[in-house]
Amino acid sequence: ITKKRKSRAFNYAGWGLLAICCVIFMFTGYSPNLSFAGNGTSVAQVNGESIPYSDFSRYFERAEEENKGAKMTSEERTNLQHRIVDQMVNRTLILQAAKKQGIAVSSAEIADYLMQIPQFQENGKFSLLRYKQLLKSQGMNEARFEEKITEDMLVQKMNMFYVRSAQDDKFLQSQ
C-alpha cells in the first residue's frame, strides 16, 4: 500500500481497500447462533485460511472466566462470541498483511522477548526449566507458545508499520 508514495490517491485507495476487506471479513462466515462453526473445525475462512474452532473456544472460555461473577444474557453471550470472532478475523488479516509485506520476527527477537518475561525468571535471569514447567502446567507446548508469541510480535510490528506509514503521509502532505 505504501510503496508508491508518489501518488497520494494510490495511498488512500490502498488504505480504503484494506478497510473494506476488513469490514467484509468481519461480517461474513458466521451467524448469530454460532452455527458458523460448521463441522466444528473452523469458525471462519479468511482468504482461504481457516480460523480453528478450538482457538475460538479457548478465547471464549478465557473471556467467560474474566466475567465469572457476571451472568450473561443470551444476547450478551452472542455479542461476546461475535466480538471474539471479529478480533480473530482481524488478527488473521493483520498476520496475512505482515506476510505479504515481508515483515517477519527472528528467532533472536523471540528469545529476547521470552527472556524478559518475569514469570520465566529465577533470581532475575531466564530459567529454561521454569519456562518449560510453567508451559506444561498450563497445558501448552513450547512450539505452540512461541508461535503465539511470534504472532503477537508480528501484530505489533504491523501496528508500528501502519503508524509510521500514516506519520510519513502526514509529513509528505505538510511539505
N, C-alpha and C. Protein backbone atom coordinates (compact mmCIF):
# COMPACT_ATOMS: atom_id res chain seq x y z
N ILE A 1 0.83 -1.19 0.00
CA ILE A 1 0.00 0.00 0.00
C ILE A 1 0.87 1.25 0.00
N THR A 2 1.95 1.20 0.78
CA THR A 2 2.72 2.43 0.94
C THR A 2 3.95 2.50 0.04
N LYS A 3 4.17 1.52 -0.82
CA LYS A 3 5.36 1.52 -1.66
C LYS A 3 5.33 2.62 -2.71
N LYS A 4 4.16 3.00 -3.20
CA LYS A 4 4.05 4.00 -4.24
C LYS A 4 3.62 5.33 -3.63
N ARG A 5 4.47 5.91 -2.84
CA ARG A 5 4.13 7.13 -2.12
C ARG A 5 4.05 8.35 -3.02
N LYS A 6 4.46 8.21 -4.27
CA LYS A 6 4.42 9.35 -5.17
C LYS A 6 3.00 9.81 -5.41
N SER A 7 2.06 8.90 -5.27
CA SER A 7 0.67 9.23 -5.54
C SER A 7 -0.14 9.11 -4.26
N ARG A 8 -0.61 10.24 -3.75
CA ARG A 8 -1.46 10.22 -2.55
C ARG A 8 -2.74 9.46 -2.82
N ALA A 9 -3.29 9.60 -4.02
CA ALA A 9 -4.52 8.89 -4.36
C ALA A 9 -4.32 7.39 -4.25
N PHE A 10 -3.17 6.90 -4.68
CA PHE A 10 -2.89 5.47 -4.56
C PHE A 10 -2.86 5.05 -3.11
N ASN A 11 -2.21 5.85 -2.25
CA ASN A 11 -2.17 5.53 -0.83
C ASN A 11 -3.57 5.44 -0.23
N TYR A 12 -4.38 6.45 -0.49
CA TYR A 12 -5.74 6.46 0.06
C TYR A 12 -6.57 5.30 -0.50
N ALA A 13 -6.41 5.00 -1.77
CA ALA A 13 -7.14 3.88 -2.36
C ALA A 13 -6.71 2.57 -1.72
N GLY A 14 -5.41 2.42 -1.47
CA GLY A 14 -4.90 1.20 -0.84
C GLY A 14 -5.43 1.03 0.57
N TRP A 15 -5.38 2.11 1.35
CA TRP A 15 -5.90 2.04 2.73
C TRP A 15 -7.40 1.78 2.73
N GLY A 16 -8.10 2.41 1.79
CA GLY A 16 -9.54 2.20 1.68
C GLY A 16 -9.86 0.75 1.36
N LEU A 17 -9.09 0.17 0.44
CA LEU A 17 -9.28 -1.23 0.07
C LEU A 17 -9.04 -2.15 1.26
N LEU A 18 -7.99 -1.86 2.04
CA LEU A 18 -7.72 -2.66 3.23
C LEU A 18 -8.88 -2.56 4.23
N ALA A 19 -9.40 -1.37 4.43
CA ALA A 19 -10.52 -1.18 5.36
C ALA A 19 -11.76 -1.93 4.88
N ILE A 20 -12.03 -1.88 3.58
CA ILE A 20 -13.19 -2.58 3.03
C ILE A 20 -13.04 -4.08 3.23
N CYS A 21 -11.82 -4.60 2.99
CA CYS A 21 -11.58 -6.03 3.18
C CYS A 21 -11.84 -6.43 4.63
N CYS A 22 -11.37 -5.61 5.57
CA CYS A 22 -11.58 -5.91 6.99
C CYS A 22 -13.07 -5.97 7.31
N VAL A 23 -13.82 -5.01 6.82
CA VAL A 23 -15.26 -4.97 7.08
C VAL A 23 -15.95 -6.19 6.47
N ILE A 24 -15.59 -6.53 5.24
CA ILE A 24 -16.21 -7.68 4.58
C ILE A 24 -15.96 -8.95 5.37
N PHE A 25 -14.71 -9.15 5.79
CA PHE A 25 -14.40 -10.38 6.51
C PHE A 25 -14.97 -10.40 7.91
N MET A 26 -15.23 -9.23 8.48
CA MET A 26 -15.83 -9.19 9.80
C MET A 26 -17.27 -9.70 9.77
N PHE A 27 -17.96 -9.47 8.66
CA PHE A 27 -19.38 -9.79 8.63
C PHE A 27 -19.72 -10.98 7.74
N THR A 28 -18.74 -11.75 7.35
CA THR A 28 -19.04 -12.95 6.57
C THR A 28 -18.53 -14.18 7.28
N GLY A 29 -19.17 -15.29 7.01
CA GLY A 29 -18.67 -16.54 7.52
C GLY A 29 -19.26 -17.01 8.84
N TYR A 30 -20.20 -16.28 9.42
CA TYR A 30 -20.80 -16.76 10.64
C TYR A 30 -22.18 -16.15 10.85
N SER A 31 -22.95 -16.81 11.72
CA SER A 31 -24.30 -16.35 12.01
C SER A 31 -24.45 -16.16 13.51
N PRO A 32 -25.53 -15.47 13.97
CA PRO A 32 -25.65 -15.12 15.38
C PRO A 32 -25.67 -16.27 16.37
N ASN A 33 -26.06 -17.47 15.96
CA ASN A 33 -26.21 -18.55 16.93
C ASN A 33 -25.02 -19.52 16.95
N LEU A 34 -23.89 -19.09 16.44
CA LEU A 34 -22.67 -19.89 16.39
C LEU A 34 -22.81 -21.12 15.51
N SER A 35 -23.79 -21.13 14.62
CA SER A 35 -23.85 -22.22 13.65
C SER A 35 -22.74 -22.05 12.63
N PHE A 36 -22.01 -20.92 12.72
CA PHE A 36 -20.88 -20.69 11.83
C PHE A 36 -19.77 -21.70 12.07
N ALA A 37 -19.82 -22.41 13.18
CA ALA A 37 -18.78 -23.39 13.47
C ALA A 37 -18.82 -24.54 12.48
N GLY A 38 -19.88 -24.61 11.70
CA GLY A 38 -19.97 -25.61 10.63
C GLY A 38 -19.76 -27.00 11.17
N ASN A 39 -18.73 -27.66 10.66
CA ASN A 39 -18.48 -29.03 11.09
C ASN A 39 -17.69 -29.10 12.39
N GLY A 40 -17.52 -27.96 13.05
CA GLY A 40 -16.84 -27.94 14.33
C GLY A 40 -15.34 -27.75 14.22
N THR A 41 -14.83 -27.60 13.00
CA THR A 41 -13.38 -27.46 12.85
C THR A 41 -12.94 -26.01 12.66
N SER A 42 -13.79 -25.16 12.11
CA SER A 42 -13.39 -23.76 11.94
C SER A 42 -14.60 -22.84 12.11
N VAL A 43 -14.30 -21.61 12.52
CA VAL A 43 -15.36 -20.63 12.71
C VAL A 43 -15.46 -19.66 11.55
N ALA A 44 -14.37 -19.55 10.78
CA ALA A 44 -14.38 -18.63 9.63
C ALA A 44 -13.23 -18.97 8.71
N GLN A 45 -13.35 -18.49 7.49
CA GLN A 45 -12.29 -18.58 6.49
C GLN A 45 -11.88 -17.15 6.15
N VAL A 46 -10.59 -16.88 6.17
CA VAL A 46 -10.08 -15.56 5.83
C VAL A 46 -9.07 -15.75 4.70
N ASN A 47 -9.47 -15.35 3.50
CA ASN A 47 -8.60 -15.51 2.34
C ASN A 47 -8.07 -16.94 2.22
N GLY A 48 -8.96 -17.90 2.44
CA GLY A 48 -8.59 -19.31 2.33
C GLY A 48 -7.97 -19.91 3.57
N GLU A 49 -7.71 -19.11 4.59
CA GLU A 49 -7.11 -19.59 5.83
C GLU A 49 -8.20 -19.80 6.87
N SER A 50 -8.24 -20.98 7.45
CA SER A 50 -9.26 -21.30 8.45
C SER A 50 -8.87 -20.77 9.82
N ILE A 51 -9.88 -20.32 10.55
CA ILE A 51 -9.71 -19.98 11.96
C ILE A 51 -10.31 -21.15 12.74
N PRO A 52 -9.46 -21.92 13.42
CA PRO A 52 -9.94 -23.14 14.09
C PRO A 52 -10.95 -22.85 15.20
N TYR A 53 -11.95 -23.71 15.27
CA TYR A 53 -12.95 -23.61 16.33
C TYR A 53 -12.28 -23.78 17.69
N SER A 54 -11.25 -24.62 17.76
CA SER A 54 -10.56 -24.85 19.03
C SER A 54 -9.94 -23.55 19.55
N ASP A 55 -9.38 -22.71 18.66
CA ASP A 55 -8.82 -21.42 19.08
C ASP A 55 -9.94 -20.51 19.57
N PHE A 56 -11.06 -20.47 18.82
CA PHE A 56 -12.20 -19.65 19.24
C PHE A 56 -12.67 -20.08 20.63
N SER A 57 -12.81 -21.38 20.80
CA SER A 57 -13.30 -21.92 22.07
C SER A 57 -12.39 -21.52 23.23
N ARG A 58 -11.08 -21.57 23.01
CA ARG A 58 -10.12 -21.20 24.05
C ARG A 58 -10.27 -19.72 24.42
N TYR A 59 -10.37 -18.84 23.40
CA TYR A 59 -10.55 -17.40 23.66
C TYR A 59 -11.88 -17.14 24.37
N PHE A 60 -12.93 -17.85 23.94
CA PHE A 60 -14.25 -17.64 24.54
C PHE A 60 -14.24 -18.07 26.00
N GLU A 61 -13.62 -19.21 26.29
CA GLU A 61 -13.55 -19.68 27.67
C GLU A 61 -12.80 -18.68 28.56
N ARG A 62 -11.70 -18.12 28.01
CA ARG A 62 -10.95 -17.11 28.77
C ARG A 62 -11.80 -15.89 29.06
N ALA A 63 -12.56 -15.46 28.05
CA ALA A 63 -13.43 -14.29 28.22
C ALA A 63 -14.50 -14.57 29.26
N GLU A 64 -15.05 -15.77 29.25
CA GLU A 64 -16.05 -16.14 30.25
C GLU A 64 -15.45 -16.15 31.66
N GLU A 65 -14.21 -16.65 31.78
CA GLU A 65 -13.54 -16.68 33.08
C GLU A 65 -13.32 -15.26 33.62
N GLU A 66 -13.00 -14.33 32.72
CA GLU A 66 -12.79 -12.94 33.14
C GLU A 66 -14.08 -12.33 33.67
N ASN A 67 -15.22 -12.80 33.19
CA ASN A 67 -16.53 -12.31 33.62
C ASN A 67 -17.21 -13.31 34.55
N LYS A 68 -16.44 -14.08 35.31
CA LYS A 68 -17.00 -15.19 36.08
C LYS A 68 -18.10 -14.80 37.05
N GLY A 69 -18.04 -13.61 37.59
CA GLY A 69 -19.06 -13.20 38.54
C GLY A 69 -20.35 -12.73 37.87
N ALA A 70 -20.27 -12.33 36.64
CA ALA A 70 -21.43 -11.75 35.95
C ALA A 70 -22.18 -12.81 35.14
N LYS A 71 -23.48 -12.77 35.26
CA LYS A 71 -24.33 -13.64 34.45
C LYS A 71 -24.57 -12.95 33.11
N MET A 72 -24.38 -13.68 32.03
CA MET A 72 -24.59 -13.11 30.70
C MET A 72 -25.94 -13.57 30.16
N THR A 73 -26.64 -12.62 29.56
CA THR A 73 -27.86 -12.99 28.87
C THR A 73 -27.47 -13.67 27.56
N SER A 74 -28.42 -14.28 26.93
CA SER A 74 -28.17 -14.94 25.64
C SER A 74 -27.63 -13.94 24.62
N GLU A 75 -28.19 -12.75 24.63
CA GLU A 75 -27.75 -11.72 23.68
C GLU A 75 -26.31 -11.28 23.98
N GLU A 76 -25.99 -11.11 25.26
CA GLU A 76 -24.63 -10.71 25.63
C GLU A 76 -23.62 -11.80 25.25
N ARG A 77 -24.03 -13.04 25.45
CA ARG A 77 -23.17 -14.18 25.09
C ARG A 77 -22.92 -14.20 23.58
N THR A 78 -23.96 -13.99 22.81
CA THR A 78 -23.84 -13.97 21.35
C THR A 78 -22.97 -12.80 20.91
N ASN A 79 -23.15 -11.63 21.53
CA ASN A 79 -22.32 -10.46 21.20
C ASN A 79 -20.85 -10.73 21.51
N LEU A 80 -20.59 -11.39 22.63
CA LEU A 80 -19.22 -11.73 23.00
C LEU A 80 -18.62 -12.69 21.97
N GLN A 81 -19.40 -13.67 21.56
CA GLN A 81 -18.92 -14.61 20.55
C GLN A 81 -18.56 -13.88 19.25
N HIS A 82 -19.41 -12.96 18.86
CA HIS A 82 -19.16 -12.20 17.63
C HIS A 82 -17.92 -11.32 17.76
N ARG A 83 -17.77 -10.68 18.91
CA ARG A 83 -16.59 -9.83 19.11
C ARG A 83 -15.30 -10.66 19.03
N ILE A 84 -15.34 -11.84 19.61
CA ILE A 84 -14.16 -12.70 19.58
C ILE A 84 -13.85 -13.14 18.15
N VAL A 85 -14.86 -13.53 17.40
CA VAL A 85 -14.63 -13.92 16.00
C VAL A 85 -14.12 -12.72 15.21
N ASP A 86 -14.70 -11.55 15.43
CA ASP A 86 -14.23 -10.34 14.74
C ASP A 86 -12.75 -10.09 15.04
N GLN A 87 -12.38 -10.21 16.30
CA GLN A 87 -10.99 -10.00 16.69
C GLN A 87 -10.07 -11.02 16.02
N MET A 88 -10.53 -12.27 15.97
CA MET A 88 -9.72 -13.32 15.36
C MET A 88 -9.58 -13.11 13.85
N VAL A 89 -10.64 -12.67 13.20
CA VAL A 89 -10.58 -12.38 11.77
C VAL A 89 -9.63 -11.21 11.52
N ASN A 90 -9.75 -10.15 12.32
CA ASN A 90 -8.87 -9.00 12.16
C ASN A 90 -7.41 -9.39 12.38
N ARG A 91 -7.17 -10.19 13.39
CA ARG A 91 -5.80 -10.65 13.67
C ARG A 91 -5.26 -11.46 12.49
N THR A 92 -6.08 -12.32 11.93
CA THR A 92 -5.65 -13.12 10.78
C THR A 92 -5.34 -12.22 9.59
N LEU A 93 -6.18 -11.21 9.36
CA LEU A 93 -5.93 -10.26 8.27
C LEU A 93 -4.60 -9.52 8.48
N ILE A 94 -4.35 -9.12 9.70
CA ILE A 94 -3.11 -8.41 10.01
C ILE A 94 -1.90 -9.32 9.78
N LEU A 95 -2.00 -10.57 10.22
CA LEU A 95 -0.90 -11.52 10.02
C LEU A 95 -0.67 -11.80 8.54
N GLN A 96 -1.76 -11.89 7.77
CA GLN A 96 -1.62 -12.08 6.33
C GLN A 96 -0.97 -10.86 5.68
N ALA A 97 -1.34 -9.66 6.13
CA ALA A 97 -0.73 -8.44 5.59
C ALA A 97 0.75 -8.39 5.93
N ALA A 98 1.12 -8.82 7.13
CA ALA A 98 2.54 -8.84 7.52
C ALA A 98 3.33 -9.76 6.60
N LYS A 99 2.76 -10.91 6.33
CA LYS A 99 3.43 -11.87 5.44
C LYS A 99 3.58 -11.26 4.04
N LYS A 100 2.53 -10.61 3.57
CA LYS A 100 2.56 -10.00 2.24
C LYS A 100 3.59 -8.88 2.17
N GLN A 101 3.76 -8.13 3.26
CA GLN A 101 4.73 -7.03 3.32
C GLN A 101 6.15 -7.53 3.57
N GLY A 102 6.29 -8.81 3.86
CA GLY A 102 7.62 -9.37 4.13
C GLY A 102 8.11 -9.07 5.53
N ILE A 103 7.20 -8.76 6.43
CA ILE A 103 7.56 -8.47 7.82
C ILE A 103 7.64 -9.79 8.56
N ALA A 104 8.72 -9.99 9.29
CA ALA A 104 8.93 -11.25 9.99
C ALA A 104 9.50 -10.98 11.38
N VAL A 105 9.53 -12.03 12.18
CA VAL A 105 10.11 -11.98 13.52
C VAL A 105 11.23 -13.02 13.55
N SER A 106 12.40 -12.61 13.97
CA SER A 106 13.54 -13.52 14.01
C SER A 106 13.52 -14.37 15.29
N SER A 107 14.26 -15.45 15.25
CA SER A 107 14.40 -16.30 16.44
C SER A 107 15.04 -15.53 17.58
N ALA A 108 15.99 -14.65 17.24
CA ALA A 108 16.66 -13.84 18.28
C ALA A 108 15.66 -12.91 18.96
N GLU A 109 14.74 -12.32 18.18
CA GLU A 109 13.73 -11.43 18.76
C GLU A 109 12.82 -12.21 19.71
N ILE A 110 12.46 -13.41 19.33
CA ILE A 110 11.61 -14.25 20.19
C ILE A 110 12.34 -14.60 21.47
N ALA A 111 13.60 -15.02 21.34
CA ALA A 111 14.40 -15.38 22.51
C ALA A 111 14.54 -14.19 23.45
N ASP A 112 14.84 -13.02 22.89
CA ASP A 112 14.97 -11.81 23.72
C ASP A 112 13.67 -11.52 24.47
N TYR A 113 12.56 -11.65 23.77
CA TYR A 113 11.25 -11.39 24.38
C TYR A 113 10.99 -12.36 25.53
N LEU A 114 11.22 -13.66 25.28
CA LEU A 114 10.97 -14.67 26.30
C LEU A 114 11.83 -14.45 27.54
N MET A 115 13.05 -14.02 27.32
CA MET A 115 13.96 -13.81 28.45
C MET A 115 13.55 -12.63 29.32
N GLN A 116 12.71 -11.76 28.80
CA GLN A 116 12.25 -10.59 29.55
C GLN A 116 10.99 -10.86 30.37
N ILE A 117 10.32 -11.99 30.15
CA ILE A 117 9.08 -12.30 30.86
C ILE A 117 9.41 -12.71 32.30
N PRO A 118 8.94 -11.93 33.27
CA PRO A 118 9.28 -12.19 34.68
C PRO A 118 8.90 -13.58 35.18
N GLN A 119 7.80 -14.14 34.68
CA GLN A 119 7.36 -15.46 35.16
C GLN A 119 8.35 -16.56 34.80
N PHE A 120 9.20 -16.33 33.81
CA PHE A 120 10.17 -17.33 33.39
C PHE A 120 11.55 -17.10 34.00
N GLN A 121 11.62 -16.19 34.95
CA GLN A 121 12.92 -15.85 35.54
C GLN A 121 13.04 -16.37 36.97
N GLU A 122 14.27 -16.69 37.33
CA GLU A 122 14.63 -17.03 38.71
C GLU A 122 15.84 -16.18 39.06
N ASN A 123 15.76 -15.46 40.14
CA ASN A 123 16.84 -14.56 40.56
C ASN A 123 17.22 -13.57 39.46
N GLY A 124 16.20 -13.09 38.74
CA GLY A 124 16.43 -12.07 37.72
C GLY A 124 16.97 -12.58 36.40
N LYS A 125 17.10 -13.91 36.24
CA LYS A 125 17.62 -14.47 35.00
C LYS A 125 16.65 -15.52 34.46
N PHE A 126 16.61 -15.61 33.13
CA PHE A 126 15.74 -16.58 32.47
C PHE A 126 16.12 -17.99 32.89
N SER A 127 15.08 -18.79 33.21
CA SER A 127 15.28 -20.18 33.59
C SER A 127 14.53 -21.07 32.60
N LEU A 128 15.28 -21.84 31.84
CA LEU A 128 14.67 -22.74 30.86
C LEU A 128 13.78 -23.77 31.55
N LEU A 129 14.23 -24.27 32.69
CA LEU A 129 13.44 -25.25 33.44
C LEU A 129 12.12 -24.64 33.88
N ARG A 130 12.16 -23.45 34.43
CA ARG A 130 10.93 -22.76 34.87
C ARG A 130 10.01 -22.51 33.68
N TYR A 131 10.57 -22.09 32.56
CA TYR A 131 9.82 -21.85 31.32
C TYR A 131 9.05 -23.11 30.92
N LYS A 132 9.76 -24.23 30.86
CA LYS A 132 9.12 -25.49 30.46
C LYS A 132 8.06 -25.94 31.47
N GLN A 133 8.36 -25.78 32.76
CA GLN A 133 7.41 -26.19 33.79
C GLN A 133 6.13 -25.37 33.74
N LEU A 134 6.25 -24.04 33.58
CA LEU A 134 5.07 -23.19 33.52
C LEU A 134 4.21 -23.51 32.30
N LEU A 135 4.84 -23.72 31.18
CA LEU A 135 4.08 -24.06 29.97
C LEU A 135 3.37 -25.39 30.16
N LYS A 136 4.08 -26.36 30.70
CA LYS A 136 3.49 -27.68 30.92
C LYS A 136 2.32 -27.60 31.89
N SER A 137 2.46 -26.79 32.94
CA SER A 137 1.38 -26.66 33.93
C SER A 137 0.13 -26.02 33.32
N GLN A 138 0.30 -25.26 32.24
CA GLN A 138 -0.84 -24.63 31.57
C GLN A 138 -1.30 -25.42 30.35
N GLY A 139 -0.74 -26.61 30.17
CA GLY A 139 -1.15 -27.47 29.07
C GLY A 139 -0.70 -26.98 27.70
N MET A 140 0.40 -26.25 27.67
CA MET A 140 0.92 -25.75 26.39
C MET A 140 2.27 -26.38 26.10
N ASN A 141 2.58 -26.47 24.80
CA ASN A 141 3.93 -26.90 24.45
C ASN A 141 4.72 -25.68 23.97
N GLU A 142 6.02 -25.82 23.95
CA GLU A 142 6.89 -24.69 23.62
C GLU A 142 6.63 -24.17 22.21
N ALA A 143 6.48 -25.07 21.26
CA ALA A 143 6.30 -24.66 19.87
C ALA A 143 5.04 -23.81 19.70
N ARG A 144 3.93 -24.24 20.28
CA ARG A 144 2.67 -23.50 20.14
C ARG A 144 2.76 -22.16 20.86
N PHE A 145 3.38 -22.13 22.04
CA PHE A 145 3.52 -20.88 22.78
C PHE A 145 4.37 -19.89 21.99
N GLU A 146 5.48 -20.35 21.45
CA GLU A 146 6.37 -19.48 20.70
C GLU A 146 5.72 -19.03 19.39
N GLU A 147 4.86 -19.86 18.83
CA GLU A 147 4.10 -19.46 17.64
C GLU A 147 3.16 -18.29 17.98
N LYS A 148 2.50 -18.39 19.12
CA LYS A 148 1.60 -17.31 19.56
C LYS A 148 2.39 -16.03 19.86
N ILE A 149 3.57 -16.17 20.48
CA ILE A 149 4.42 -15.01 20.75
C ILE A 149 4.84 -14.37 19.42
N THR A 150 5.20 -15.19 18.45
CA THR A 150 5.59 -14.70 17.13
C THR A 150 4.45 -13.91 16.50
N GLU A 151 3.24 -14.47 16.57
CA GLU A 151 2.07 -13.78 16.01
C GLU A 151 1.83 -12.45 16.71
N ASP A 152 1.94 -12.44 18.05
CA ASP A 152 1.76 -11.19 18.79
C ASP A 152 2.79 -10.14 18.37
N MET A 153 4.02 -10.58 18.19
CA MET A 153 5.08 -9.65 17.79
C MET A 153 4.85 -9.15 16.36
N LEU A 154 4.35 -10.02 15.48
CA LEU A 154 4.03 -9.59 14.11
C LEU A 154 2.92 -8.55 14.11
N VAL A 155 1.90 -8.76 14.93
CA VAL A 155 0.81 -7.80 15.03
C VAL A 155 1.35 -6.45 15.51
N GLN A 156 2.24 -6.47 16.51
CA GLN A 156 2.85 -5.23 17.00
C GLN A 156 3.66 -4.55 15.89
N LYS A 157 4.43 -5.33 15.15
CA LYS A 157 5.23 -4.75 14.06
C LYS A 157 4.33 -4.14 12.99
N MET A 158 3.22 -4.81 12.67
CA MET A 158 2.30 -4.27 11.67
C MET A 158 1.66 -2.99 12.17
N ASN A 159 1.30 -2.94 13.44
CA ASN A 159 0.74 -1.71 14.00
C ASN A 159 1.75 -0.57 13.89
N MET A 160 3.02 -0.85 14.21
CA MET A 160 4.05 0.18 14.08
C MET A 160 4.24 0.57 12.62
N PHE A 161 4.16 -0.39 11.72
CA PHE A 161 4.28 -0.13 10.29
C PHE A 161 3.19 0.83 9.84
N TYR A 162 1.94 0.58 10.27
CA TYR A 162 0.82 1.45 9.88
C TYR A 162 0.96 2.84 10.48
N VAL A 163 1.39 2.90 11.74
CA VAL A 163 1.56 4.21 12.39
C VAL A 163 2.64 5.01 11.67
N ARG A 164 3.77 4.38 11.39
CA ARG A 164 4.85 5.09 10.68
C ARG A 164 4.40 5.53 9.30
N SER A 165 3.66 4.67 8.63
CA SER A 165 3.17 4.99 7.29
C SER A 165 2.25 6.21 7.34
N ALA A 166 1.36 6.23 8.34
CA ALA A 166 0.45 7.37 8.48
C ALA A 166 1.23 8.63 8.82
N GLN A 167 2.26 8.52 9.67
CA GLN A 167 3.07 9.67 10.01
C GLN A 167 3.83 10.18 8.78
N ASP A 168 4.35 9.26 7.97
CA ASP A 168 5.05 9.64 6.74
C ASP A 168 4.11 10.37 5.79
N ASP A 169 2.87 9.87 5.69
CA ASP A 169 1.88 10.52 4.82
C ASP A 169 1.58 11.93 5.30
N LYS A 170 1.44 12.10 6.62
CA LYS A 170 1.19 13.44 7.17
C LYS A 170 2.37 14.36 6.88
N PHE A 171 3.60 13.83 7.01
CA PHE A 171 4.78 14.63 6.74
C PHE A 171 4.82 15.04 5.27
N LEU A 172 4.53 14.09 4.37
CA LEU A 172 4.55 14.39 2.93
C LEU A 172 3.47 15.41 2.58
N GLN A 173 2.33 15.33 3.24
CA GLN A 173 1.24 16.27 2.95
C GLN A 173 1.59 17.68 3.43
N SER A 174 2.37 17.78 4.51
CA SER A 174 2.72 19.10 5.02
C SER A 174 3.82 19.77 4.20
N GLN A 175 4.47 19.02 3.35
CA GLN A 175 5.57 19.58 2.53
C GLN A 175 5.06 20.39 1.38
